[in-house]
Every structure is written in C-alpha cells, then in structure tokens.
Amino acid sequence: MQFFEKHFGASRRKRGRKTGIVRNRIRHYRRKLGLTQSELGKKLGTTAATVSRLETEGIKISVDWLQPLAAILQVPMTDLLDGPSTDSIPLLGHINQSGKMLPLPKSSESSLPVRIPARDPVAVRLERNLGPFLEGEVLIGGRLEPDQLSQAFNRVCLLEIETGATLLTRLLPYPGKNLRYALVPLVSGGLPQHINHIAWCAPIVMAVRYF
C-alpha cells in the first residue's frame, strides 16, 4: 500500500485523477508476450495510438490504466511502476566489425538490465590478467545452495576448499573413487587440483570493467 501511495497518493479515483510517472516497461512486457500495439489496444478496449502514448517514457499513467495492463501483460502492477533508476539503460543497437551501430530489430529488447543476476552475490577484483579476465575487472559470482553444486560444473567459480583458501577456478566433476571434484586453473598449463569437499561455491555471473 505504501508503494502505491508514494506513486499515486492514498486515493484511487477515476482515470486521470491520481497518476504516477513510470519508466517504460509496458513496451518491454508487451513485446515479451509477442503482442502488437493494436492487439494490446483491443484487449484494453482502446487504440494502438493510445497504447503508443502509454508506452512513452516518463508519461503519467493512472491506476485505472495500470490495473488492466498488469492483468493483460501477466505481471504484478509494481513491475510497471519502476521509477527512474539506473538498473536498466537504453540499448541503442549492435556495433558491427567496422564500428558502425546497427539498429535493433523491432522484436528485440530496447533496454539492457544491469541488475546482478544472482540471489546471493559476492565479488572480487583482479590484480592481474587471469584467463579470459582482465586486470582491474570486478568479478561477481552467485553463491549456490549445497544441493545446487552440480549447476557449477564446467563453469568458472569462486569457491572455498578444505584448506580454507578461496580460489577462482573452473570446477569439474571428478570420477575418482575418493575425490569428487577437479579444479582447473585459469592459467595456461596449470595442473588440475583434485579435492573432496567444497565449503561454498559461486559461479561467475558478471564481469564489470571500469575505465
């Protein structure tokens, strides 16, 4: 309730009386369902031109519009009420080999989410180049629950081994009788290490490079 009061005020009256400024998420979810503006307009009982206006960045939209929109787009209303933030940035296009930007296809995403794709993130910063990663990059991993460890196989992970050391390595299952895992160094020519226990593991989900 506090969320809606913040964006719309305490009263929920007729269309146009109480409104909130929203970031353009209507277009995102419409495209995700494969709907055209005309198709969404028919479901709303309005026109494609009105849908186009509703999708305009920063427009004020009443609760009476947002309620049916949320139902049709199959998302919570709060997902359409994302205020100005830097957790998503406009995606302008793709850069080709010559350095020229090509426009995005109409059906593709128009924004780039920058949220960390992990429930329990951890991060480290590299002092030197290591494997595919560069000096100064921040690597972000998502901790797994103990019963999810198989999801980390064949991936680069941050993990803590029996000695208490935390390593950045590639994790593989090991078919040995007494040893369960193989840790493959990211440096060329490094020898695998075979272990039986991992205290915790966080596959790398994001690399951030600052300039």
C-alpha atoms as a PDB file:
ATOM      1  CA  MET A   1       0.000   0.000   0.000  1.00  0.00           C
ATOM      2  CA  GLN A   2       2.845   2.406   0.812  1.00  0.00           C
ATOM      3  CA  PHE A   3       4.278   1.854  -2.681  1.00  0.00           C
ATOM      4  CA  PHE A   4       1.050   2.969  -4.359  1.00  0.00           C
ATOM      5  CA  GLU A   5       0.624   5.920  -2.006  1.00  0.00           C
ATOM      6  CA  LYS A   6       4.143   7.040  -2.859  1.00  0.00           C
ATOM      7  CA  HIS A   7       3.442   6.978  -6.615  1.00  0.00           C
ATOM      8  CA  PHE A   8      -0.264   7.804  -6.750  1.00  0.00           C
ATOM      9  CA  GLY A   9      -1.375   9.207  -3.401  1.00  0.00           C
ATOM     10  CA  ALA A  10      -3.742   7.498  -0.984  1.00  0.00           C
ATOM     11  CA  SER A  11      -6.901   7.848  -3.110  1.00  0.00           C
ATOM     12  CA  ARG A  12      -7.729   5.576  -6.056  1.00  0.00           C
ATOM     13  CA  ARG A  13     -10.274   7.537  -8.081  1.00  0.00           C
ATOM     14  CA  LYS A  14     -11.346   7.686 -11.673  1.00  0.00           C
ATOM     15  CA  ARG A  15      -8.908   7.647 -14.558  1.00  0.00           C
ATOM     16  CA  GLY A  16      -6.697  10.726 -14.697  1.00  0.00           C
ATOM     17  CA  ARG A  17      -7.265  11.847 -11.088  1.00  0.00           C
ATOM     18  CA  LYS A  18      -4.260  10.159  -9.433  1.00  0.00           C
ATOM     19  CA  THR A  19      -1.296   9.229 -11.580  1.00  0.00           C
ATOM     20  CA  GLY A  20       2.300   8.136 -11.337  1.00  0.00           C
ATOM     21  CA  ILE A  21       5.325   8.578 -13.553  1.00  0.00           C
ATOM     22  CA  VAL A  22       6.601   5.209 -14.765  1.00  0.00           C
ATOM     23  CA  ARG A  23       9.643   4.065 -16.643  1.00  0.00           C
ATOM     24  CA  ASN A  24       8.822   2.462 -19.961  1.00  0.00           C
ATOM     25  CA  ARG A  25       8.182  -1.166 -19.004  1.00  0.00           C
ATOM     26  CA  ILE A  26       4.867  -1.572 -20.819  1.00  0.00           C
ATOM     27  CA  ARG A  27       6.598  -1.930 -24.190  1.00  0.00           C
ATOM     28  CA  HIS A  28       9.060  -4.436 -22.688  1.00  0.00           C
ATOM     29  CA  TYR A  29       6.330  -6.760 -21.393  1.00  0.00           C
ATOM     30  CA  ARG A  30       4.119  -6.301 -24.482  1.00  0.00           C
ATOM     31  CA  ARG A  31       6.957  -7.434 -26.729  1.00  0.00           C
ATOM     32  CA  LYS A  32       7.782 -10.264 -24.365  1.00  0.00           C
ATOM     33  CA  LEU A  33       4.257 -11.645 -24.995  1.00  0.00           C
ATOM     34  CA  GLY A  34       4.565 -11.008 -28.736  1.00  0.00           C
ATOM     35  CA  LEU A  35       1.713  -8.510 -28.824  1.00  0.00           C
ATOM     36  CA  THR A  36       1.487  -5.586 -31.235  1.00  0.00           C
ATOM     37  CA  GLN A  37       0.245  -2.196 -30.063  1.00  0.00           C
ATOM     38  CA  SER A  38      -3.014  -2.844 -31.922  1.00  0.00           C
ATOM     39  CA  GLU A  39      -3.504  -6.220 -30.235  1.00  0.00           C
ATOM     40  CA  LEU A  40      -2.826  -4.768 -26.805  1.00  0.00           C
ATOM     41  CA  GLY A  41      -5.162  -1.876 -27.612  1.00  0.00           C
ATOM     42  CA  LYS A  42      -8.010  -4.279 -28.458  1.00  0.00           C
ATOM     43  CA  LYS A  43      -7.516  -6.121 -25.161  1.00  0.00           C
ATOM     44  CA  LEU A  44      -7.621  -2.781 -23.329  1.00  0.00           C
ATOM     45  CA  GLY A  45     -10.607  -1.525 -25.309  1.00  0.00           C
ATOM     46  CA  THR A  46      -8.609   1.320 -26.832  1.00  0.00           C
ATOM     47  CA  THR A  47      -6.481   2.140 -29.880  1.00  0.00           C
ATOM     48  CA  ALA A  48      -2.894   1.475 -30.915  1.00  0.00           C
ATOM     49  CA  ALA A  49      -2.275   5.227 -30.736  1.00  0.00           C
ATOM     50  CA  THR A  50      -3.277   5.250 -27.065  1.00  0.00           C
ATOM     51  CA  VAL A  51      -1.012   2.283 -26.346  1.00  0.00           C
ATOM     52  CA  SER A  52       1.820   4.153 -28.038  1.00  0.00           C
ATOM     53  CA  ARG A  53       1.223   7.117 -25.730  1.00  0.00           C
ATOM     54  CA  LEU A  54       1.093   4.823 -22.683  1.00  0.00           C
ATOM     55  CA  GLU A  55       4.477   3.414 -23.677  1.00  0.00           C
ATOM     56  CA  THR A  56       6.049   6.871 -23.836  1.00  0.00           C
ATOM     57  CA  GLU A  57       8.966   7.268 -21.405  1.00  0.00           C
ATOM     58  CA  GLY A  58       8.074   9.239 -18.286  1.00  0.00           C
ATOM     59  CA  ILE A  59       4.364   9.617 -19.043  1.00  0.00           C
ATOM     60  CA  LYS A  60       1.911   9.849 -16.128  1.00  0.00           C
ATOM     61  CA  ILE A  61      -0.395   6.826 -16.062  1.00  0.00           C
ATOM     62  CA  SER A  62      -3.419   6.368 -13.794  1.00  0.00           C
ATOM     63  CA  VAL A  63      -4.059   3.278 -11.705  1.00  0.00           C
ATOM     64  CA  ASP A  64      -7.156   2.592 -13.849  1.00  0.00           C
ATOM     65  CA  TRP A  65      -4.846   2.038 -16.829  1.00  0.00           C
ATOM     66  CA  LEU A  66      -2.226   0.102 -14.915  1.00  0.00           C
ATOM     67  CA  GLN A  67      -4.594  -2.446 -13.408  1.00  0.00           C
ATOM     68  CA  PRO A  68      -5.822  -3.898 -16.744  1.00  0.00           C
ATOM     69  CA  LEU A  69      -2.347  -3.543 -18.257  1.00  0.00           C
ATOM     70  CA  ALA A  70      -0.853  -5.645 -15.470  1.00  0.00           C
ATOM     71  CA  ALA A  71      -3.568  -8.290 -15.897  1.00  0.00           C
ATOM     72  CA  ILE A  72      -3.130  -8.498 -19.685  1.00  0.00           C
ATOM     73  CA  LEU A  73       0.683  -8.480 -19.552  1.00  0.00           C
ATOM     74  CA  GLN A  74       0.636 -11.076 -16.743  1.00  0.00           C
ATOM     75  CA  VAL A  75       2.896  -9.171 -14.364  1.00  0.00           C
ATOM     76  CA  PRO A  76       2.410  -7.532 -10.944  1.00  0.00           C
ATOM     77  CA  MET A  77       1.401  -3.877 -11.220  1.00  0.00           C
ATOM     78  CA  THR A  78       4.579  -2.903  -9.364  1.00  0.00           C
ATOM     79  CA  ASP A  79       6.643  -4.211 -12.311  1.00  0.00           C
ATOM     80  CA  LEU A  80       5.109  -1.442 -14.430  1.00  0.00           C
ATOM     81  CA  LEU A  81       5.822   1.214 -11.794  1.00  0.00           C
ATOM     82  CA  ASP A  82       9.586   1.257 -11.832  1.00  0.00           C
ATOM     83  CA  GLY A  83      10.619   4.820 -11.098  1.00  0.00           C
ATOM     84  CA  PRO A  84      13.693   6.441 -12.673  1.00  0.00           C
ATOM     85  CA  SER A  85      16.740   4.336 -11.889  1.00  0.00           C
ATOM     86  CA  THR A  86      19.989   3.048 -13.344  1.00  0.00           C
ATOM     87  CA  ASP A  87      19.077  -0.632 -13.099  1.00  0.00           C
ATOM     88  CA  SER A  88      18.196  -0.568 -16.800  1.00  0.00           C
ATOM     89  CA  ILE A  89      19.717   1.542 -19.557  1.00  0.00           C
ATOM     90  CA  PRO A  90      18.622   2.128 -23.170  1.00  0.00           C
ATOM     91  CA  LEU A  91      20.092  -0.356 -25.649  1.00  0.00           C
ATOM     92  CA  LEU A  92      20.761   1.678 -28.796  1.00  0.00           C
ATOM     93  CA  GLY A  93      21.877  -1.061 -31.178  1.00  0.00           C
ATOM     94  CA  HIS A  94      24.613  -3.504 -32.157  1.00  0.00           C
ATOM     95  CA  ILE A  95      28.118  -2.498 -33.262  1.00  0.00           C
ATOM     96  CA  ASN A  96      29.430  -4.316 -36.340  1.00  0.00           C
ATOM     97  CA  GLN A  97      33.032  -5.115 -37.288  1.00  0.00           C
ATOM     98  CA  SER A  98      33.582  -1.685 -38.844  1.00  0.00           C
ATOM     99  CA  GLY A  99      32.452   0.078 -35.656  1.00  0.00           C
ATOM    100  CA  LYS A 100      29.103   1.208 -37.096  1.00  0.00           C
ATOM    101  CA  MET A 101      25.987   0.857 -34.969  1.00  0.00           C
ATOM    102  CA  LEU A 102      23.149  -1.171 -36.471  1.00  0.00           C
ATOM    103  CA  PRO A 103      19.589  -0.531 -35.240  1.00  0.00           C
ATOM    104  CA  LEU A 104      17.912  -3.166 -33.105  1.00  0.00           C
ATOM    105  CA  PRO A 105      15.264  -5.437 -34.657  1.00  0.00           C
ATOM    106  CA  LYS A 106      11.766  -4.375 -33.620  1.00  0.00           C
ATOM    107  CA  SER A 107      11.229  -7.594 -31.684  1.00  0.00           C
ATOM    108  CA  SER A 108      14.404  -7.286 -29.606  1.00  0.00           C
ATOM    109  CA  GLU A 109      14.844  -5.802 -26.132  1.00  0.00           C
ATOM    110  CA  SER A 110      15.104  -1.998 -26.094  1.00  0.00           C
ATOM    111  CA  SER A 111      16.844  -1.806 -22.736  1.00  0.00           C
ATOM    112  CA  LEU A 112      19.708  -3.557 -21.016  1.00  0.00           C
ATOM    113  CA  PRO A 113      19.122  -4.718 -17.433  1.00  0.00           C
ATOM    114  CA  VAL A 114      22.112  -4.108 -15.179  1.00  0.00           C
ATOM    115  CA  ARG A 115      20.814  -5.938 -12.131  1.00  0.00           C
ATOM    116  CA  ILE A 116      23.133  -8.605 -10.730  1.00  0.00           C
ATOM    117  CA  PRO A 117      21.688 -11.971 -11.836  1.00  0.00           C
ATOM    118  CA  ALA A 118      22.283 -13.698  -8.501  1.00  0.00           C
ATOM    119  CA  ARG A 119      20.338 -14.079  -5.257  1.00  0.00           C
ATOM    120  CA  ASP A 120      23.421 -14.155  -3.025  1.00  0.00           C
ATOM    121  CA  PRO A 121      26.185 -12.245  -4.868  1.00  0.00           C
ATOM    122  CA  VAL A 122      29.857 -11.999  -3.894  1.00  0.00           C
ATOM    123  CA  ALA A 123      32.614 -10.096  -5.682  1.00  0.00           C
ATOM    124  CA  VAL A 124      36.394  -9.955  -6.116  1.00  0.00           C
ATOM    125  CA  ARG A 125      38.718  -7.602  -8.009  1.00  0.00           C
ATOM    126  CA  LEU A 126      41.549  -8.941 -10.181  1.00  0.00           C
ATOM    127  CA  GLU A 127      45.098  -7.724  -9.533  1.00  0.00           C
ATOM    128  CA  ARG A 128      46.388  -9.243 -12.799  1.00  0.00           C
ATOM    129  CA  ASN A 129      45.043 -10.669 -16.050  1.00  0.00           C
ATOM    130  CA  LEU A 130      43.780 -14.181 -15.416  1.00  0.00           C
ATOM    131  CA  GLY A 131      42.388 -16.451 -18.122  1.00  0.00           C
ATOM    132  CA  PRO A 132      39.728 -14.526 -20.062  1.00  0.00           C
ATOM    133  CA  PHE A 133      39.524 -11.826 -17.370  1.00  0.00           C
ATOM    134  CA  LEU A 134      41.489  -8.573 -17.246  1.00  0.00           C
ATOM    135  CA  GLU A 135      43.380  -6.725 -14.529  1.00  0.00           C
ATOM    136  CA  GLY A 136      41.073  -4.401 -12.599  1.00  0.00           C
ATOM    137  CA  GLU A 137      37.866  -6.198 -13.521  1.00  0.00           C
ATOM    138  CA  VAL A 138      35.383  -6.964 -10.770  1.00  0.00           C
ATOM    139  CA  LEU A 139      34.034 -10.497 -10.990  1.00  0.00           C
ATOM    140  CA  ILE A 140      30.641 -11.188  -9.453  1.00  0.00           C
ATOM    141  CA  GLY A 141      29.515 -14.670  -8.532  1.00  0.00           C
ATOM    142  CA  GLY A 142      26.246 -16.045  -7.231  1.00  0.00           C
ATOM    143  CA  ARG A 143      26.510 -18.387  -4.240  1.00  0.00           C
ATOM    144  CA  LEU A 144      24.753 -21.710  -4.681  1.00  0.00           C
ATOM    145  CA  GLU A 145      22.990 -23.794  -2.087  1.00  0.00           C
ATOM    146  CA  PRO A 146      24.847 -27.037  -1.225  1.00  0.00           C
ATOM    147  CA  ASP A 147      22.389 -29.175  -3.208  1.00  0.00           C
ATOM    148  CA  GLN A 148      22.864 -26.963  -6.310  1.00  0.00           C
ATOM    149  CA  LEU A 149      26.594 -27.568  -6.722  1.00  0.00           C
ATOM    150  CA  SER A 150      26.155 -29.542  -9.941  1.00  0.00           C
ATOM    151  CA  GLN A 151      24.989 -26.284 -11.580  1.00  0.00           C
ATOM    152  CA  ALA A 152      28.557 -25.010 -11.241  1.00  0.00           C
ATOM    153  CA  PHE A 153      30.207 -27.840 -13.195  1.00  0.00           C
ATOM    154  CA  ASN A 154      32.216 -26.684 -16.236  1.00  0.00           C
ATOM    155  CA  ARG A 155      31.945 -23.057 -15.090  1.00  0.00           C
ATOM    156  CA  VAL A 156      34.431 -20.551 -13.699  1.00  0.00           C
ATOM    157  CA  CYS A 157      33.705 -20.185  -9.989  1.00  0.00           C
ATOM    158  CA  LEU A 158      34.803 -18.591  -6.779  1.00  0.00           C
ATOM    159  CA  LEU A 159      34.953 -21.361  -4.204  1.00  0.00           C
ATOM    160  CA  GLU A 160      36.417 -22.213  -0.825  1.00  0.00           C
ATOM    161  CA  ILE A 161      38.239 -25.519  -0.429  1.00  0.00           C
ATOM    162  CA  GLU A 162      39.092 -27.676   2.587  1.00  0.00           C
ATOM    163  CA  THR A 163      42.219 -25.705   3.495  1.00  0.00           C
ATOM    164  CA  GLY A 164      40.180 -22.503   3.831  1.00  0.00           C
ATOM    165  CA  ALA A 165      41.645 -20.944   0.682  1.00  0.00           C
ATOM    166  CA  THR A 166      39.274 -19.209  -1.743  1.00  0.00           C
ATOM    167  CA  LEU A 167      40.089 -19.756  -5.418  1.00  0.00           C
ATOM    168  CA  LEU A 168      38.974 -18.547  -8.823  1.00  0.00           C
ATOM    169  CA  THR A 169      38.960 -21.705 -10.917  1.00  0.00           C
ATOM    170  CA  ARG A 170      36.969 -23.869 -13.290  1.00  0.00           C
ATOM    171  CA  LEU A 171      35.044 -26.599 -11.475  1.00  0.00           C
ATOM    172  CA  LEU A 172      34.648 -30.078 -12.957  1.00  0.00           C
ATOM    173  CA  PRO A 173      33.203 -33.281 -11.549  1.00  0.00           C
ATOM    174  CA  TYR A 174      35.918 -35.882 -10.933  1.00  0.00           C
ATOM    175  CA  PRO A 175      35.083 -39.584 -11.342  1.00  0.00           C
ATOM    176  CA  GLY A 176      37.744 -40.722  -8.832  1.00  0.00           C
ATOM    177  CA  LYS A 177      36.814 -43.132  -6.080  1.00  0.00           C
ATOM    178  CA  ASN A 178      37.767 -40.897  -3.141  1.00  0.00           C
ATOM    179  CA  LEU A 179      37.891 -37.447  -4.737  1.00  0.00           C
ATOM    180  CA  ARG A 180      34.792 -35.723  -6.079  1.00  0.00           C
ATOM    181  CA  TYR A 181      35.945 -32.509  -7.807  1.00  0.00           C
ATOM    182  CA  ALA A 182      38.644 -31.263 -10.156  1.00  0.00           C
ATOM    183  CA  LEU A 183      39.732 -27.607 -10.052  1.00  0.00           C
ATOM    184  CA  VAL A 184      41.242 -26.469 -13.340  1.00  0.00           C
ATOM    185  CA  PRO A 185      43.431 -23.318 -13.099  1.00  0.00           C
ATOM    186  CA  LEU A 186      42.677 -20.459 -15.481  1.00  0.00           C
ATOM    187  CA  VAL A 187      46.385 -20.007 -16.262  1.00  0.00           C
ATOM    188  CA  SER A 188      47.676 -21.841 -19.322  1.00  0.00           C
ATOM    189  CA  GLY A 189      49.479 -25.052 -18.456  1.00  0.00           C
ATOM    190  CA  GLY A 190      48.255 -25.156 -14.856  1.00  0.00           C
ATOM    191  CA  LEU A 191      47.706 -28.586 -13.315  1.00  0.00           C
ATOM    192  CA  PRO A 192      44.260 -29.574 -12.014  1.00  0.00           C
ATOM    193  CA  GLN A 193      43.768 -29.951  -8.280  1.00  0.00           C
ATOM    194  CA  HIS A 194      41.573 -32.781  -7.013  1.00  0.00           C
ATOM    195  CA  ILE A 195      39.537 -32.318  -3.827  1.00  0.00           C
ATOM    196  CA  ASN A 196      36.671 -33.947  -1.968  1.00  0.00           C
ATOM    197  CA  HIS A 197      34.952 -31.032  -0.228  1.00  0.00           C
ATOM    198  CA  ILE A 198      33.857 -27.506  -1.176  1.00  0.00           C
ATOM    199  CA  ALA A 199      32.722 -25.183   1.623  1.00  0.00           C
ATOM    200  CA  TRP A 200      30.852 -22.847  -0.736  1.00  0.00           C
ATOM    201  CA  CYS A 201      30.766 -22.117  -4.453  1.00  0.00           C
ATOM    202  CA  ALA A 202      29.739 -19.080  -6.510  1.00  0.00           C
ATOM    203  CA  PRO A 203      29.781 -19.402 -10.320  1.00  0.00           C
ATOM    204  CA  ILE A 204      30.807 -16.161 -12.022  1.00  0.00           C
ATOM    205  CA  VAL A 205      27.743 -14.436 -13.489  1.00  0.00           C
ATOM    206  CA  MET A 206      29.123 -10.996 -14.362  1.00  0.00           C
ATOM    207  CA  ALA A 207      32.399  -9.198 -15.067  1.00  0.00           C
ATOM    208  CA  VAL A 208      32.485  -5.412 -14.614  1.00  0.00           C
ATOM    209  CA  ARG A 209      35.266  -3.357 -16.194  1.00  0.00           C
ATOM    210  CA  TYR A 210      35.809   0.273 -15.232  1.00  0.00           C
ATOM    211  CA  PHE A 211      37.605   2.893 -17.363  1.00  0.00           C
END
